[in-house]
Amino acid sequence: MRELLDDMALLLTDLLQSGMDTGGPSAVPRLRRLAVRCEDVGLHTGGALLTGLAEALDARSHTVTKDDLPAAALLCRAARYVSLCRERLEEEDIRAGWQSAAHPTGEQEQGGA
C-alpha cells in the first residue's frame, strides 16, 4: 500500500513539475495503470480520481482552447487523497504498536473477578 501511495505521489509531483502541456500526455498511461492498481487494493476513490485526471488530460490534448481548471482540481484532490491515506496508515501503525506493547505475548486481557 505504501509503495502504491509513493508511486501516486511521485506521478502527481512529476505532473506538477512538468506542467500539463509537456507532462500531461505522457502521464495518461501511468495514471491509468495506477488507477487499476488502486482499484485492485480497494482504493476506489483513488482509482476514480486518477481515472478522472487521465481522462481530463487526454481530453485536454485534443482541444485547441485549454481549460486546465478541471485537471488541476483533480490533481489537487488526488494529492490530498494520498496525504489522507498516508495519515491513515500512520494511525494504524501507531494503533498496532500500542496493542503489541499492551499485550507483548499476544494474550488478550480478560475481565473478571
N, C-alpha and C. Protein backbone atom coordinates (compact mmCIF):
# COMPACT_ATOMS: atom_id res chain seq x y z
N MET A 1 0.83 -1.19 0.00
CA MET A 1 0.00 0.00 0.00
C MET A 1 0.87 1.25 0.00
N ARG A 2 1.92 1.23 0.84
CA ARG A 2 2.80 2.40 0.91
C ARG A 2 3.48 2.65 -0.44
N GLU A 3 3.89 1.58 -1.08
CA GLU A 3 4.55 1.72 -2.39
C GLU A 3 3.59 2.34 -3.41
N LEU A 4 2.35 1.93 -3.39
CA LEU A 4 1.35 2.49 -4.29
C LEU A 4 1.15 3.97 -4.01
N LEU A 5 1.04 4.34 -2.75
CA LEU A 5 0.88 5.76 -2.40
C LEU A 5 2.11 6.57 -2.81
N ASP A 6 3.29 5.97 -2.65
CA ASP A 6 4.51 6.66 -3.09
C ASP A 6 4.51 6.85 -4.61
N ASP A 7 4.08 5.83 -5.34
CA ASP A 7 4.01 5.93 -6.80
C ASP A 7 3.01 7.00 -7.24
N MET A 8 1.89 7.07 -6.54
CA MET A 8 0.89 8.09 -6.85
C MET A 8 1.45 9.48 -6.60
N ALA A 9 2.09 9.66 -5.44
CA ALA A 9 2.66 10.97 -5.09
C ALA A 9 3.74 11.37 -6.09
N LEU A 10 4.56 10.43 -6.49
CA LEU A 10 5.62 10.72 -7.46
C LEU A 10 5.04 11.15 -8.80
N LEU A 11 4.02 10.46 -9.26
CA LEU A 11 3.40 10.81 -10.53
C LEU A 11 2.75 12.19 -10.47
N LEU A 12 2.05 12.47 -9.39
CA LEU A 12 1.42 13.78 -9.24
C LEU A 12 2.47 14.89 -9.16
N THR A 13 3.56 14.63 -8.47
CA THR A 13 4.65 15.60 -8.38
C THR A 13 5.28 15.82 -9.76
N ASP A 14 5.52 14.74 -10.48
CA ASP A 14 6.08 14.85 -11.84
C ASP A 14 5.17 15.70 -12.73
N LEU A 15 3.89 15.45 -12.61
CA LEU A 15 2.93 16.19 -13.43
C LEU A 15 2.92 17.67 -13.07
N LEU A 16 3.00 17.97 -11.79
CA LEU A 16 3.05 19.37 -11.37
C LEU A 16 4.34 20.05 -11.84
N GLN A 17 5.44 19.34 -11.78
CA GLN A 17 6.72 19.93 -12.16
C GLN A 17 6.85 20.10 -13.67
N SER A 18 6.35 19.16 -14.43
CA SER A 18 6.50 19.23 -15.88
C SER A 18 5.42 20.09 -16.52
N GLY A 19 4.30 20.24 -15.86
CA GLY A 19 3.21 21.03 -16.41
C GLY A 19 2.27 20.17 -17.24
N MET A 20 1.10 20.69 -17.49
CA MET A 20 0.09 19.92 -18.20
C MET A 20 0.38 19.83 -19.70
N ASP A 21 1.11 20.81 -20.22
CA ASP A 21 1.43 20.79 -21.65
C ASP A 21 2.41 19.68 -21.99
N THR A 22 3.51 19.62 -21.25
CA THR A 22 4.53 18.63 -21.58
C THR A 22 4.34 17.31 -20.86
N GLY A 23 3.94 17.35 -19.61
CA GLY A 23 3.81 16.12 -18.83
C GLY A 23 2.48 15.43 -18.96
N GLY A 24 1.44 16.16 -19.34
CA GLY A 24 0.10 15.60 -19.39
C GLY A 24 -0.07 14.40 -20.29
N PRO A 25 0.29 14.51 -21.57
CA PRO A 25 0.09 13.37 -22.47
C PRO A 25 0.89 12.13 -22.07
N SER A 26 2.10 12.32 -21.58
CA SER A 26 2.91 11.16 -21.18
C SER A 26 2.44 10.56 -19.86
N ALA A 27 1.72 11.33 -19.06
CA ALA A 27 1.25 10.85 -17.76
C ALA A 27 -0.01 10.00 -17.86
N VAL A 28 -0.75 10.14 -18.96
CA VAL A 28 -2.04 9.44 -19.07
C VAL A 28 -1.92 7.93 -18.90
N PRO A 29 -1.01 7.24 -19.61
CA PRO A 29 -0.91 5.79 -19.40
C PRO A 29 -0.50 5.42 -17.98
N ARG A 30 0.39 6.20 -17.38
CA ARG A 30 0.81 5.94 -16.00
C ARG A 30 -0.36 6.12 -15.04
N LEU A 31 -1.16 7.16 -15.28
CA LEU A 31 -2.33 7.40 -14.43
C LEU A 31 -3.31 6.24 -14.53
N ARG A 32 -3.52 5.75 -15.73
CA ARG A 32 -4.45 4.61 -15.91
C ARG A 32 -3.95 3.35 -15.21
N ARG A 33 -2.64 3.08 -15.32
CA ARG A 33 -2.08 1.90 -14.65
C ARG A 33 -2.22 2.01 -13.13
N LEU A 34 -1.91 3.19 -12.60
CA LEU A 34 -2.04 3.38 -11.16
C LEU A 34 -3.50 3.31 -10.70
N ALA A 35 -4.41 3.79 -11.54
CA ALA A 35 -5.84 3.71 -11.21
C ALA A 35 -6.26 2.25 -11.07
N VAL A 36 -5.78 1.40 -11.95
CA VAL A 36 -6.11 -0.03 -11.87
C VAL A 36 -5.52 -0.64 -10.60
N ARG A 37 -4.28 -0.28 -10.28
CA ARG A 37 -3.67 -0.78 -9.04
C ARG A 37 -4.46 -0.33 -7.82
N CYS A 38 -4.93 0.91 -7.84
CA CYS A 38 -5.75 1.41 -6.73
C CYS A 38 -7.01 0.57 -6.57
N GLU A 39 -7.68 0.33 -7.67
CA GLU A 39 -8.91 -0.47 -7.62
C GLU A 39 -8.62 -1.88 -7.11
N ASP A 40 -7.49 -2.44 -7.51
CA ASP A 40 -7.14 -3.80 -7.10
C ASP A 40 -6.95 -3.94 -5.59
N VAL A 41 -6.47 -2.87 -4.94
CA VAL A 41 -6.24 -2.95 -3.49
C VAL A 41 -7.37 -2.31 -2.69
N GLY A 42 -8.40 -1.84 -3.37
CA GLY A 42 -9.56 -1.30 -2.66
C GLY A 42 -9.57 0.21 -2.48
N LEU A 43 -8.63 0.91 -3.08
CA LEU A 43 -8.63 2.37 -3.01
C LEU A 43 -9.48 2.92 -4.16
N HIS A 44 -10.78 2.74 -4.05
CA HIS A 44 -11.68 3.08 -5.14
C HIS A 44 -11.73 4.58 -5.42
N THR A 45 -11.67 5.38 -4.38
CA THR A 45 -11.66 6.83 -4.57
C THR A 45 -10.39 7.25 -5.30
N GLY A 46 -9.26 6.69 -4.91
CA GLY A 46 -8.00 6.98 -5.60
C GLY A 46 -8.05 6.56 -7.06
N GLY A 47 -8.63 5.39 -7.32
CA GLY A 47 -8.77 4.93 -8.70
C GLY A 47 -9.63 5.87 -9.51
N ALA A 48 -10.72 6.33 -8.92
CA ALA A 48 -11.62 7.24 -9.63
C ALA A 48 -10.95 8.59 -9.89
N LEU A 49 -10.20 9.09 -8.92
CA LEU A 49 -9.51 10.37 -9.10
C LEU A 49 -8.45 10.27 -10.20
N LEU A 50 -7.68 9.20 -10.20
CA LEU A 50 -6.64 9.05 -11.22
C LEU A 50 -7.24 8.81 -12.60
N THR A 51 -8.32 8.07 -12.66
CA THR A 51 -9.01 7.86 -13.95
C THR A 51 -9.56 9.18 -14.46
N GLY A 52 -10.18 9.95 -13.59
CA GLY A 52 -10.71 11.25 -13.99
C GLY A 52 -9.62 12.19 -14.47
N LEU A 53 -8.47 12.16 -13.78
CA LEU A 53 -7.34 13.01 -14.18
C LEU A 53 -6.80 12.56 -15.54
N ALA A 54 -6.70 11.26 -15.74
CA ALA A 54 -6.23 10.74 -17.04
C ALA A 54 -7.17 11.18 -18.16
N GLU A 55 -8.47 11.08 -17.91
CA GLU A 55 -9.45 11.48 -18.92
C GLU A 55 -9.39 12.98 -19.20
N ALA A 56 -9.21 13.78 -18.15
CA ALA A 56 -9.13 15.24 -18.32
C ALA A 56 -7.89 15.62 -19.12
N LEU A 57 -6.76 14.96 -18.81
CA LEU A 57 -5.53 15.26 -19.55
C LEU A 57 -5.60 14.77 -20.99
N ASP A 58 -6.22 13.62 -21.18
CA ASP A 58 -6.38 13.10 -22.54
C ASP A 58 -7.28 14.01 -23.36
N ALA A 59 -8.38 14.46 -22.79
CA ALA A 59 -9.30 15.36 -23.49
C ALA A 59 -8.62 16.70 -23.76
N ARG A 60 -7.78 17.15 -22.82
CA ARG A 60 -7.08 18.41 -22.97
C ARG A 60 -6.18 18.40 -24.20
N SER A 61 -5.55 17.26 -24.47
CA SER A 61 -4.63 17.17 -25.60
C SER A 61 -5.35 17.19 -26.95
N HIS A 62 -6.67 17.05 -26.94
CA HIS A 62 -7.43 17.02 -28.19
C HIS A 62 -8.24 18.29 -28.41
N THR A 63 -7.98 19.33 -27.62
CA THR A 63 -8.71 20.58 -27.77
C THR A 63 -7.76 21.73 -28.06
N VAL A 64 -8.27 22.70 -28.77
CA VAL A 64 -7.45 23.88 -29.09
C VAL A 64 -7.41 24.83 -27.90
N THR A 65 -8.56 25.13 -27.34
CA THR A 65 -8.60 26.01 -26.17
C THR A 65 -8.47 25.15 -24.92
N LYS A 66 -7.47 25.45 -24.14
CA LYS A 66 -7.15 24.64 -22.97
C LYS A 66 -7.83 25.20 -21.72
N ASP A 67 -8.51 24.32 -21.01
CA ASP A 67 -9.10 24.66 -19.72
C ASP A 67 -8.45 23.74 -18.69
N ASP A 68 -7.49 24.27 -17.97
CA ASP A 68 -6.72 23.46 -17.03
C ASP A 68 -7.39 23.30 -15.68
N LEU A 69 -8.44 24.04 -15.42
CA LEU A 69 -9.06 24.01 -14.10
C LEU A 69 -9.59 22.62 -13.71
N PRO A 70 -10.31 21.90 -14.57
CA PRO A 70 -10.78 20.57 -14.15
C PRO A 70 -9.64 19.61 -13.82
N ALA A 71 -8.60 19.60 -14.65
CA ALA A 71 -7.47 18.71 -14.39
C ALA A 71 -6.72 19.14 -13.13
N ALA A 72 -6.55 20.44 -12.94
CA ALA A 72 -5.86 20.94 -11.75
C ALA A 72 -6.64 20.60 -10.49
N ALA A 73 -7.96 20.70 -10.56
CA ALA A 73 -8.79 20.36 -9.40
C ALA A 73 -8.65 18.88 -9.05
N LEU A 74 -8.66 18.02 -10.06
CA LEU A 74 -8.49 16.58 -9.82
C LEU A 74 -7.10 16.28 -9.28
N LEU A 75 -6.10 16.96 -9.79
CA LEU A 75 -4.75 16.75 -9.33
C LEU A 75 -4.62 17.13 -7.85
N CYS A 76 -5.21 18.24 -7.47
CA CYS A 76 -5.17 18.67 -6.06
C CYS A 76 -5.94 17.71 -5.17
N ARG A 77 -7.09 17.25 -5.63
CA ARG A 77 -7.87 16.29 -4.84
C ARG A 77 -7.10 14.98 -4.68
N ALA A 78 -6.43 14.53 -5.75
CA ALA A 78 -5.66 13.29 -5.68
C ALA A 78 -4.48 13.44 -4.72
N ALA A 79 -3.82 14.59 -4.74
CA ALA A 79 -2.71 14.82 -3.82
C ALA A 79 -3.20 14.81 -2.37
N ARG A 80 -4.32 15.43 -2.12
CA ARG A 80 -4.90 15.43 -0.77
C ARG A 80 -5.30 14.02 -0.35
N TYR A 81 -5.85 13.25 -1.28
CA TYR A 81 -6.23 11.87 -1.02
C TYR A 81 -5.01 11.04 -0.59
N VAL A 82 -3.91 11.19 -1.31
CA VAL A 82 -2.68 10.47 -0.96
C VAL A 82 -2.25 10.85 0.45
N SER A 83 -2.30 12.13 0.76
CA SER A 83 -1.93 12.60 2.08
C SER A 83 -2.81 11.99 3.17
N LEU A 84 -4.10 11.95 2.92
CA LEU A 84 -5.03 11.36 3.90
C LEU A 84 -4.79 9.86 4.07
N CYS A 85 -4.51 9.17 2.98
CA CYS A 85 -4.24 7.73 3.07
C CYS A 85 -2.97 7.47 3.88
N ARG A 86 -1.96 8.30 3.68
CA ARG A 86 -0.72 8.15 4.44
C ARG A 86 -0.97 8.39 5.93
N GLU A 87 -1.77 9.38 6.25
CA GLU A 87 -2.12 9.65 7.65
C GLU A 87 -2.83 8.45 8.25
N ARG A 88 -3.73 7.87 7.51
CA ARG A 88 -4.48 6.71 8.00
C ARG A 88 -3.55 5.53 8.26
N LEU A 89 -2.62 5.27 7.36
CA LEU A 89 -1.66 4.19 7.57
C LEU A 89 -0.80 4.44 8.80
N GLU A 90 -0.42 5.68 9.00
CA GLU A 90 0.36 6.04 10.18
C GLU A 90 -0.43 5.78 11.46
N GLU A 91 -1.71 6.15 11.47
CA GLU A 91 -2.56 5.90 12.63
C GLU A 91 -2.69 4.40 12.90
N GLU A 92 -2.82 3.61 11.85
CA GLU A 92 -2.93 2.17 12.02
C GLU A 92 -1.63 1.58 12.57
N ASP A 93 -0.50 2.10 12.12
CA ASP A 93 0.79 1.63 12.65
C ASP A 93 0.91 1.96 14.14
N ILE A 94 0.49 3.16 14.52
CA ILE A 94 0.54 3.56 15.93
C ILE A 94 -0.37 2.67 16.76
N ARG A 95 -1.58 2.44 16.28
CA ARG A 95 -2.53 1.59 17.00
C ARG A 95 -1.97 0.18 17.16
N ALA A 96 -1.38 -0.36 16.11
CA ALA A 96 -0.81 -1.70 16.18
C ALA A 96 0.35 -1.74 17.17
N GLY A 97 1.14 -0.67 17.20
CA GLY A 97 2.24 -0.60 18.17
C GLY A 97 1.76 -0.57 19.60
N TRP A 98 0.70 0.20 19.83
CA TRP A 98 0.13 0.25 21.18
C TRP A 98 -0.42 -1.11 21.59
N GLN A 99 -1.09 -1.76 20.68
CA GLN A 99 -1.69 -3.05 21.00
C GLN A 99 -0.61 -4.09 21.27
N SER A 100 0.46 -4.08 20.50
CA SER A 100 1.52 -5.06 20.73
C SER A 100 2.28 -4.76 22.01
N ALA A 101 2.40 -3.48 22.40
CA ALA A 101 3.06 -3.12 23.65
C ALA A 101 2.19 -3.49 24.85
N ALA A 102 0.88 -3.37 24.70
CA ALA A 102 -0.03 -3.69 25.80
C ALA A 102 -0.14 -5.20 26.01
N HIS A 103 0.07 -5.96 24.95
CA HIS A 103 -0.06 -7.42 25.01
C HIS A 103 1.16 -8.05 24.33
N PRO A 104 2.32 -8.00 24.99
CA PRO A 104 3.54 -8.47 24.33
C PRO A 104 3.55 -9.95 24.00
N THR A 105 2.78 -10.76 24.71
CA THR A 105 2.76 -12.20 24.41
C THR A 105 1.64 -12.57 23.47
N GLY A 106 0.86 -11.57 23.06
CA GLY A 106 -0.26 -11.85 22.17
C GLY A 106 -1.52 -12.24 22.88
N GLU A 107 -1.48 -12.26 24.23
CA GLU A 107 -2.66 -12.65 25.01
C GLU A 107 -3.56 -11.44 25.18
N GLN A 108 -4.81 -11.66 25.19
CA GLN A 108 -5.80 -10.60 25.42
C GLN A 108 -6.13 -10.56 26.90
N GLU A 109 -6.29 -9.35 27.43
CA GLU A 109 -6.72 -9.22 28.82
C GLU A 109 -8.16 -9.67 28.94
N GLN A 110 -8.45 -10.35 30.02
CA GLN A 110 -9.81 -10.79 30.24
C GLN A 110 -10.31 -10.18 31.53
N GLY A 111 -11.50 -9.66 31.46
CA GLY A 111 -12.11 -9.08 32.67
C GLY A 111 -12.66 -10.19 33.55
N GLY A 112 -12.84 -9.90 34.78
CA GLY A 112 -13.41 -10.90 35.65
C GLY A 112 -13.11 -10.59 37.10
N ALA A 113 -13.55 -11.48 37.98
CA ALA A 113 -13.35 -11.26 39.40
C ALA A 113 -12.14 -11.91 39.94
